[in-house]
Protein backbone atom coordinates (compact mmCIF):
# COMPACT_ATOMS: atom_id res chain seq x y z
CA UNK A 1 3.29 -40.76 -23.18
CA UNK A 2 -0.44 -41.04 -22.55
CA UNK A 3 -2.62 -38.18 -23.76
CA UNK A 4 -5.14 -38.55 -20.94
CA UNK A 5 -5.54 -35.74 -18.44
CA UNK A 6 -3.88 -36.41 -15.08
CA UNK A 7 -4.51 -34.61 -11.79
CA UNK A 8 -1.31 -33.64 -9.98
CA UNK A 9 -1.62 -32.31 -6.42
CA UNK A 10 0.56 -29.27 -5.65
CA UNK A 11 0.04 -28.07 -2.08
CA UNK A 12 -3.67 -27.57 -1.51
CA UNK A 13 -4.41 -26.95 -5.17
CA UNK A 14 -4.64 -29.47 -7.96
CA UNK A 15 -2.61 -29.04 -11.12
CA UNK A 16 -4.00 -30.45 -14.32
CA UNK A 17 -1.49 -32.01 -16.69
CA UNK A 18 -2.66 -32.39 -20.26
CA UNK A 19 -0.54 -33.56 -23.18
CA UNK A 20 -1.42 -31.54 -26.26
CA UNK A 21 -0.64 -32.70 -29.76
CA UNK A 22 1.10 -29.38 -30.57
CA UNK A 23 3.88 -29.73 -28.00
CA UNK A 24 2.71 -31.49 -24.86
CA UNK A 25 2.02 -28.38 -22.80
CA UNK A 26 0.96 -28.48 -19.17
CA UNK A 27 -1.74 -26.41 -17.50
CA UNK A 28 -0.63 -25.52 -13.98
CA UNK A 29 -2.39 -23.74 -11.12
CA UNK A 30 -0.14 -21.71 -8.84
CA UNK A 31 -2.28 -20.78 -5.85
CA UNK A 32 -4.67 -19.67 -4.54
CA UNK A 33 -3.00 -20.83 -1.29
CA UNK A 34 0.65 -20.82 -2.18
CA UNK A 35 3.63 -19.26 -0.41
CA UNK A 36 4.96 -17.67 -3.59
CA UNK A 37 1.87 -15.62 -4.40
CA UNK A 38 1.97 -13.03 -1.59
CA UNK A 39 -1.62 -13.79 -0.70
CA UNK A 40 -4.63 -15.57 -2.11
CA UNK A 41 -3.80 -15.09 -5.79
CA UNK A 42 -4.29 -17.85 -8.32
CA UNK A 43 -2.21 -17.99 -11.47
CA UNK A 44 -3.51 -20.21 -14.23
CA UNK A 45 -0.44 -20.96 -16.31
CA UNK A 46 0.40 -22.98 -19.38
CA UNK A 47 3.91 -24.44 -19.59
CA UNK A 48 6.03 -25.76 -22.39
CA UNK A 49 8.53 -27.64 -20.29
CA UNK A 50 9.74 -24.99 -17.80
CA UNK A 51 8.85 -22.12 -20.15
CA UNK A 52 5.67 -20.19 -19.38
CA UNK A 53 3.57 -19.66 -22.50
CA UNK A 54 0.44 -18.23 -20.83
CA UNK A 55 -0.39 -16.71 -17.45
CA UNK A 56 -3.86 -15.68 -16.36
CA UNK A 57 -4.25 -14.12 -12.88
CA UNK A 58 -7.48 -15.15 -11.15
CA UNK A 59 -8.57 -12.73 -8.41
CA UNK A 60 -11.43 -12.47 -5.96
CA UNK A 61 -10.56 -15.06 -3.32
CA UNK A 62 -10.28 -12.29 -0.70
CA UNK A 63 -13.25 -10.22 -1.83
CA UNK A 64 -15.11 -8.77 1.17
CA UNK A 65 -17.37 -6.21 -0.46
CA UNK A 66 -15.72 -3.15 1.11
CA UNK A 67 -17.23 -0.72 -1.38
CA UNK A 68 -20.77 -1.96 -0.71
CA UNK A 69 -20.18 -2.01 3.05
CA UNK A 70 -19.29 1.69 2.87
CA UNK A 71 -22.84 2.51 1.77
CA UNK A 72 -24.18 1.28 5.11
CA UNK A 73 -21.69 2.92 7.46
CA UNK A 74 -20.97 6.44 8.60
CA UNK A 75 -17.80 7.99 7.22
CA UNK A 76 -15.78 7.38 10.38
CA UNK A 77 -17.07 3.84 10.79
CA UNK A 78 -15.48 2.95 7.45
CA UNK A 79 -11.98 4.03 8.54
CA UNK A 80 -11.12 0.57 10.01
CA UNK A 81 -12.08 -1.02 6.69
CA UNK A 82 -9.42 1.05 4.93
CA UNK A 83 -6.86 -0.55 7.27
CA UNK A 84 -7.63 -3.86 5.59
CA UNK A 85 -6.85 -2.66 2.05
CA UNK A 86 -3.06 -2.48 1.93
CA UNK A 87 -2.72 -3.89 5.42
CA UNK A 88 1.04 -3.25 5.31
CA UNK A 89 0.41 0.53 5.31
CA UNK A 90 -2.91 1.13 7.09
CA UNK A 91 -1.96 4.64 8.24
CA UNK A 92 -1.54 5.77 4.63
CA UNK A 93 -4.88 4.20 3.64
CA UNK A 94 -6.63 6.07 6.46
CA UNK A 95 -5.22 9.39 5.29
CA UNK A 96 -6.14 8.91 1.62
CA UNK A 97 -9.75 8.07 2.52
CA UNK A 98 -10.11 10.94 4.99
CA UNK A 99 -8.76 13.50 2.52
CA UNK A 100 -11.37 12.35 -0.03
CA UNK A 101 -14.24 13.00 2.37
CA UNK A 102 -12.71 16.29 3.55
CA UNK A 103 -12.32 17.41 -0.06
CA UNK A 104 -16.04 16.95 -0.61
CA UNK A 105 -16.84 18.65 2.71
CA UNK A 106 -14.57 21.60 1.87
CA UNK A 107 -12.57 21.28 5.08
CA UNK A 108 -9.27 23.06 5.66
CA UNK A 109 -7.09 21.32 8.22
CA UNK A 110 -4.59 22.98 10.56
CA UNK A 111 -0.91 22.69 9.70
CA UNK A 112 -0.14 20.40 12.62
CA UNK A 113 -2.73 17.87 11.48
CA UNK A 114 -1.32 17.84 7.95
CA UNK A 115 2.24 17.44 9.25
CA UNK A 116 1.19 14.51 11.46
CA UNK A 117 -0.43 12.86 8.45
CA UNK A 118 2.70 13.27 6.33
CA UNK A 119 4.77 11.84 9.17
CA UNK A 120 2.65 8.70 9.59
CA UNK A 121 2.32 8.21 5.81
CA UNK A 122 6.08 8.18 5.36
CA UNK A 123 6.52 5.84 8.31
CA UNK A 124 3.94 3.57 6.68
CA UNK A 125 5.90 3.74 3.41
CA UNK A 126 9.08 2.71 5.21
CA UNK A 127 7.26 -0.15 6.94
CA UNK A 128 5.73 -1.41 3.69
CA UNK A 129 8.97 -1.23 1.72
CA UNK A 130 10.94 -2.93 4.49
CA UNK A 131 8.65 -5.93 4.32
CA UNK A 132 8.52 -5.81 0.53
CA UNK A 133 12.30 -5.85 0.18
CA UNK A 134 12.74 -8.57 2.78
CA UNK A 135 10.16 -10.87 1.22
CA UNK A 136 11.56 -10.13 -2.25
CA UNK A 137 14.95 -11.33 -1.01
CA UNK A 138 13.34 -14.55 0.18
CA UNK A 139 11.59 -14.97 -3.18
CA UNK A 140 15.03 -14.84 -4.79
CA UNK A 141 16.49 -17.33 -2.29
CA UNK A 142 18.05 -14.99 0.31
CA UNK A 143 16.83 -15.36 3.91
CA UNK A 144 19.11 -13.01 5.88
CA UNK A 145 17.88 -9.65 4.43
CA UNK A 146 14.39 -10.49 5.67
CA UNK A 147 15.70 -10.73 9.25
CA UNK A 148 17.20 -7.23 9.01
CA UNK A 149 14.11 -5.62 7.47
CA UNK A 150 11.62 -7.39 9.73
CA UNK A 151 13.58 -6.37 12.83
CA UNK A 152 13.34 -2.72 11.79
CA UNK A 153 9.68 -3.09 10.93
CA UNK A 154 8.96 -4.40 14.43
CA UNK A 155 10.51 -1.24 15.85
CA UNK A 156 8.11 0.76 13.70
CA UNK A 157 5.16 -1.26 14.94
CA UNK A 158 6.10 -0.40 18.52
CA UNK A 159 6.00 3.28 17.56
CA UNK A 160 2.64 2.80 15.83
CA UNK A 161 1.29 1.14 18.97
CA UNK A 162 2.38 4.06 21.13
CA UNK A 163 0.67 6.49 18.75
CA UNK A 164 -2.54 4.67 17.88
CA UNK A 165 -2.97 1.89 20.41
CA UNK A 166 -2.61 -0.79 17.71
CA UNK A 167 0.35 -2.27 15.88
CA UNK A 168 -1.27 -3.52 12.69
CA UNK A 169 -4.75 -2.07 12.04
CA UNK A 170 -4.38 1.46 13.32
CA UNK A 171 -7.59 3.35 12.41
CA UNK A 172 -5.81 6.55 13.40
CA UNK A 173 -7.34 9.12 11.03
CA UNK A 174 -10.72 10.77 11.50
CA UNK A 175 -12.71 12.87 9.07
CA UNK A 176 -11.45 16.35 9.90
CA UNK A 177 -8.28 15.35 11.73
CA UNK A 178 -6.62 12.48 13.56
CA UNK A 179 -7.80 10.51 16.57
CA UNK A 180 -5.34 12.06 19.02
CA UNK A 181 -2.28 14.27 19.19
CA UNK A 182 1.26 12.91 19.23
CA UNK A 183 2.26 11.48 22.63
CA UNK A 184 4.87 13.39 24.60
CA UNK A 185 8.37 12.28 23.68
CA UNK A 186 7.14 10.18 20.76
CA UNK A 187 8.81 12.22 18.02
CA UNK A 188 12.21 11.84 19.66
CA UNK A 189 11.76 8.05 19.48
CA UNK A 190 10.85 8.32 15.80
CA UNK A 191 13.92 10.47 15.18
CA UNK A 192 16.13 7.90 16.92
CA UNK A 193 14.62 5.16 14.73
CA UNK A 194 15.23 6.97 11.43
CA UNK A 195 18.76 7.86 12.54
CA UNK A 196 19.55 4.17 13.04
CA UNK A 197 17.61 2.76 10.06
CA UNK A 198 20.20 3.59 7.33
CA UNK A 199 22.65 1.18 8.95
CA UNK A 200 20.19 -1.70 8.49
CA UNK A 201 19.45 -0.60 4.91
CA UNK A 202 23.20 -0.61 4.20
CA UNK A 203 23.39 -4.18 5.48
CA UNK A 204 20.56 -5.24 3.16
CA UNK A 205 22.35 -3.60 0.24
CA UNK A 206 25.58 -5.41 1.09
CA UNK A 207 23.70 -8.70 1.03
CA UNK A 208 21.66 -8.13 -2.13
CA UNK A 209 22.62 -5.21 -4.37
CA UNK A 210 25.89 -6.69 -5.68
CA UNK A 211 25.09 -10.33 -4.91
CA UNK A 212 25.85 -12.38 -8.02
CA UNK A 213 22.99 -14.83 -7.47
CA UNK A 214 20.50 -12.05 -6.80
CA UNK A 215 21.65 -10.16 -9.90
CA UNK A 216 21.32 -13.26 -12.09
CA UNK A 217 17.79 -13.83 -10.82
CA UNK A 218 16.56 -10.24 -11.20
CA UNK A 219 18.46 -8.41 -13.96
CA UNK A 220 16.63 -8.59 -17.27
CA UNK A 221 13.76 -10.53 -15.66
CA UNK A 222 10.22 -9.16 -15.77
CA UNK A 223 11.14 -6.11 -17.83
CA UNK A 224 8.29 -3.61 -18.26
CA UNK A 225 8.72 -0.90 -20.86
CA UNK A 226 7.69 2.68 -20.20
CA UNK A 227 4.90 2.40 -22.77
CA UNK A 228 3.51 -0.82 -21.29
CA UNK A 229 3.68 0.53 -17.75
CA UNK A 230 1.55 3.51 -18.76
CA UNK A 231 -0.82 1.48 -20.92
CA UNK A 232 -1.57 -1.02 -18.16
CA UNK A 233 -2.15 1.63 -15.50
CA UNK A 234 0.84 0.86 -13.29
CA UNK A 235 1.60 3.37 -10.55
CA UNK A 236 4.05 3.82 -7.71
CA UNK A 237 7.51 2.19 -7.64
CA UNK A 238 6.58 -0.22 -10.44
CA UNK A 239 5.83 2.68 -12.77
CA UNK A 240 8.86 4.72 -11.75
CA UNK A 241 11.15 1.71 -12.21
CA UNK A 242 10.15 1.75 -15.89
CA UNK A 243 11.40 5.31 -16.28
CA UNK A 244 8.17 7.26 -15.77
CA UNK A 245 8.68 10.28 -13.51
CA UNK A 246 5.34 10.38 -11.71
CA UNK A 247 4.91 10.81 -7.97
CA UNK A 248 1.71 12.39 -6.67
CA UNK A 249 3.56 13.84 -3.69
CA UNK A 250 5.49 15.99 -6.17
CA UNK A 251 3.09 16.36 -9.08
CA UNK A 252 -0.17 16.86 -7.13
CA UNK A 253 1.02 17.59 -3.58
CA UNK A 254 -1.41 17.13 -0.71
CA UNK A 255 -1.19 17.49 3.10
CA UNK A 256 1.67 19.95 2.70
CA UNK A 257 4.10 17.66 0.84
CA UNK A 258 5.23 20.67 -1.17
CA UNK A 259 7.03 21.96 1.95
CA UNK A 260 9.50 19.09 2.07
CA UNK A 261 12.58 18.42 -0.02
CA UNK A 262 13.01 14.92 -1.41
CA UNK A 263 13.98 13.20 -4.65
CA UNK A 264 11.88 10.79 -6.71
CA UNK A 265 14.04 7.81 -7.78
CA UNK A 266 13.49 6.76 -11.41
CA UNK A 267 14.61 3.49 -13.01
CA UNK A 268 16.00 2.90 -16.48
CA UNK A 269 15.33 -0.74 -17.40
CA UNK A 270 12.06 -1.59 -15.65
CA UNK A 271 13.18 -5.07 -14.61
CA UNK A 272 12.92 -6.81 -11.24
CA UNK A 273 16.29 -5.40 -10.17
CA UNK A 274 15.23 -1.83 -10.91
CA UNK A 275 12.06 -2.27 -8.90
CA UNK A 276 14.16 -3.42 -5.95
CA UNK A 277 16.54 -0.43 -6.26
CA UNK A 278 13.63 2.03 -6.44
CA UNK A 279 12.21 0.79 -3.13
CA UNK A 280 15.60 0.89 -1.43
CA UNK A 281 16.03 4.52 -2.43
CA UNK A 282 12.43 5.42 -1.53
CA UNK A 283 13.10 4.29 2.03
CA UNK A 284 16.07 6.65 2.19
CA UNK A 285 13.97 9.52 0.83
CA UNK A 286 11.19 8.81 3.32
CA UNK A 287 13.75 9.02 6.12
CA UNK A 288 14.64 12.54 4.88
CA UNK A 289 10.98 13.57 4.84
CA UNK A 290 10.38 12.21 8.37
CA UNK A 291 13.35 14.19 9.68
CA UNK A 292 12.09 17.37 8.02
CA UNK A 293 8.58 16.91 9.45
CA UNK A 294 9.95 16.39 12.96
CA UNK A 295 12.24 19.42 12.68
CA UNK A 296 9.42 21.70 11.51
CA UNK A 297 6.42 20.23 13.36
CA UNK A 298 4.05 23.17 13.99
CA UNK A 299 2.01 23.64 17.12
CA UNK A 300 -1.73 23.99 17.34
CA UNK A 301 -4.64 21.59 17.01
CA UNK A 302 -4.64 18.20 15.36
CA UNK A 303 -8.20 18.60 14.04
CA UNK A 304 -10.33 21.19 12.24
CA UNK A 305 -11.92 23.07 15.13
CA UNK A 306 -14.58 24.74 12.97
CA UNK A 307 -15.89 21.39 11.65
CA UNK A 308 -18.72 21.28 14.18
CA UNK A 309 -20.83 18.68 12.38
CA UNK A 310 -17.89 16.57 11.21
CA UNK A 311 -15.22 16.15 13.90
CA UNK A 312 -16.23 14.95 17.36
CA UNK A 313 -15.26 17.35 20.16
CA UNK A 314 -12.60 16.40 22.76
CA UNK A 315 -13.92 14.14 25.53
CA UNK A 316 -13.25 16.68 28.28
CA UNK A 317 -15.60 19.12 26.53
CA UNK A 318 -18.22 16.43 25.97
CA UNK A 319 -18.35 15.83 29.72
CA UNK A 320 -18.62 19.52 30.65
CA UNK A 321 -20.65 21.23 27.90
CA UNK A 322 -24.17 20.46 26.71
CA UNK A 323 -23.46 21.82 23.20
CA UNK A 324 -20.45 19.52 22.76
CA UNK A 325 -22.39 16.59 24.21
CA UNK A 326 -25.14 17.03 21.61
CA UNK A 327 -22.55 17.51 18.86
CA UNK A 328 -20.81 14.27 19.86
CA UNK A 329 -24.12 12.39 20.02
CA UNK A 330 -25.15 13.50 16.51
CA UNK A 331 -21.77 12.64 14.95
CA UNK A 332 -21.69 9.18 16.57
CA UNK A 333 -25.28 8.28 15.69
CA UNK A 334 -25.72 9.97 12.31
CA UNK A 335 -22.12 10.36 11.14
CA UNK A 336 -20.19 13.45 9.95
CA UNK A 337 -22.52 15.65 7.91
CA UNK A 338 -21.05 15.84 4.40
CA UNK A 339 -22.81 17.88 1.67
CA UNK A 340 -24.17 16.29 -1.50
CA UNK A 341 -21.80 15.96 -4.43
CA UNK A 342 -19.05 13.75 -5.78
CA UNK A 343 -15.28 13.85 -5.72
CA UNK A 344 -12.17 11.82 -6.46
CA UNK A 345 -8.82 11.87 -4.71
CA UNK A 346 -5.78 9.66 -4.97
CA UNK A 347 -2.70 9.55 -2.79
CA UNK A 348 0.82 8.23 -3.42
CA UNK A 349 0.69 5.08 -1.30
CA UNK A 350 3.60 2.61 -0.98
CA UNK A 351 2.10 0.30 -3.65
CA UNK A 352 1.05 3.14 -5.96
CA UNK A 353 -1.87 5.52 -6.41
CA UNK A 354 -4.70 4.69 -4.00
CA UNK A 355 -7.83 6.51 -5.14
CA UNK A 356 -11.32 6.95 -3.70
CA UNK A 357 -14.29 8.08 -5.79
CA UNK A 358 -17.01 9.26 -3.44
CA UNK A 359 -20.63 10.13 -4.17
CA UNK A 360 -22.73 11.75 -1.44
CA UNK A 361 -26.41 12.64 -1.27
CA UNK A 362 -25.81 14.55 1.94
CA UNK A 363 -25.84 13.29 5.51
CA UNK A 364 -23.47 10.99 7.32
CA UNK A 365 -23.37 7.97 5.00
CA UNK A 366 -21.86 7.81 1.49
CA UNK A 367 -24.20 6.96 -1.38
CA UNK A 368 -21.39 5.25 -3.33
CA UNK A 369 -17.69 4.58 -2.84
CA UNK A 370 -15.30 3.22 -5.45
CA UNK A 371 -11.73 2.30 -4.55
CA UNK A 372 -8.93 2.52 -7.11
CA UNK A 373 -6.54 -0.10 -5.74
CA UNK A 374 -2.92 0.19 -6.98
CA UNK A 375 -2.11 -3.51 -6.47
CA UNK A 376 -5.11 -4.51 -8.60
CA UNK A 377 -3.96 -2.29 -11.47
CA UNK A 378 -0.32 -3.34 -11.11
CA UNK A 379 -1.30 -7.00 -11.45
CA UNK A 380 -3.11 -6.32 -14.73
CA UNK A 381 0.18 -6.59 -16.63
CA UNK A 382 0.93 -10.17 -15.54
CA UNK A 383 -0.79 -11.70 -18.57
CA UNK A 384 1.59 -9.81 -20.87
CA UNK A 385 4.65 -9.80 -18.61
CA UNK A 386 5.05 -13.44 -17.53
CA UNK A 387 4.97 -15.44 -20.82
CA UNK A 388 8.46 -16.14 -22.11
CA UNK A 389 9.94 -16.55 -18.63
CA UNK A 390 10.87 -19.76 -16.84
CA UNK A 391 8.68 -21.18 -14.10
CA UNK A 392 11.37 -20.38 -11.51
CA UNK A 393 11.13 -16.69 -12.49
CA UNK A 394 7.50 -16.35 -11.37
CA UNK A 395 8.38 -15.96 -7.68
CA UNK A 396 10.87 -13.18 -8.43
CA UNK A 397 8.46 -11.33 -10.75
CA UNK A 398 5.64 -11.46 -8.22
CA UNK A 399 7.97 -10.37 -5.43
CA UNK A 400 9.23 -7.41 -7.45
CA UNK A 401 5.69 -6.15 -8.11
CA UNK A 402 5.11 -6.08 -4.32
CA UNK A 403 1.33 -6.31 -4.32
CA UNK A 404 -1.16 -6.98 -1.51
CA UNK A 405 -4.29 -8.99 -2.17
CA UNK A 406 -6.25 -7.11 0.49
CA UNK A 407 -6.59 -4.12 -1.80
CA UNK A 408 -6.70 -6.19 -5.02
CA UNK A 409 -9.94 -7.93 -4.07
CA UNK A 410 -11.28 -5.40 -1.54
């Protein structure tokens, strides 16, 4: 065999084949535009036959400079940019960002606002996990589960549209509250959805959980030990699948999560199969939380009424009162007035701990914003995790980690 380097085209990306004297290993690019990478991720791999000996993730193809953009926008203007982080759970991103700003501003929100936020966050978790499980099934060679999960997710998107006016990028949260109250009759539709969802989840389990092919492709594959999961900064389902009992909703409750009863599923092996099981059970637990929120939804306002310089007044007051008109004008033009200082907050998002570190010099625009993206941290373990597996395992490992490149690159 010739030892010259050959260029092999794979999709839109070239793969470089080089015969090395120590074993004729091949350097292979998977991505950045590849259906198995869940987004614009590039994996620079070295193969010994079909065995992966090295894997280097290359990020940044979706970098948009969100953190820098935040320095030139008012706090509310940045809310739509949080939609584009984990774009499978924009409602949860909105809430995490808003709580960070409110923490610095010292705002106390009414109970109804907090309950609404918990409700939409858990619906976002269900939506994200439904897609994650369906796509994971496809990564392992099973098409039918995706049809079940995507059908249910479309029902959720209809509910999101009725609440926020948008299906995908919702921009529902505001600093000091939410954009609008729940529509009349909307909660009964949500309750009907969560009552019917377990049947679809049962169907997915029948197709995957005891499927011999699925088990062979996931059990013992991509195993992450408890120690490695902690050392590499994994959070969310990927961390809990490795046996680490950490869920911010339980350990550092926010938005009134301490009021609701739910279990935190914990894995034992930390392999691809465990990560699948954790997400299945998390959907069931989110259904329980949603039902509790609906049953105990308090009355009152959906925004902090005393936050005069932070939350814009209702439109009917803007049109009838000079004070509210001026207040609205100042908030729109100068932004919510947040005192100087710095703070950090992280929420338990579907992919893991989404954190925002905020520095303010006062006024309506942040001085600095740093985003702690769970998908970015979860991907950090690929370089250690992938070597020793076969090339065909890479799709299953990536699918089990369930990452989104929108928040990886930001």
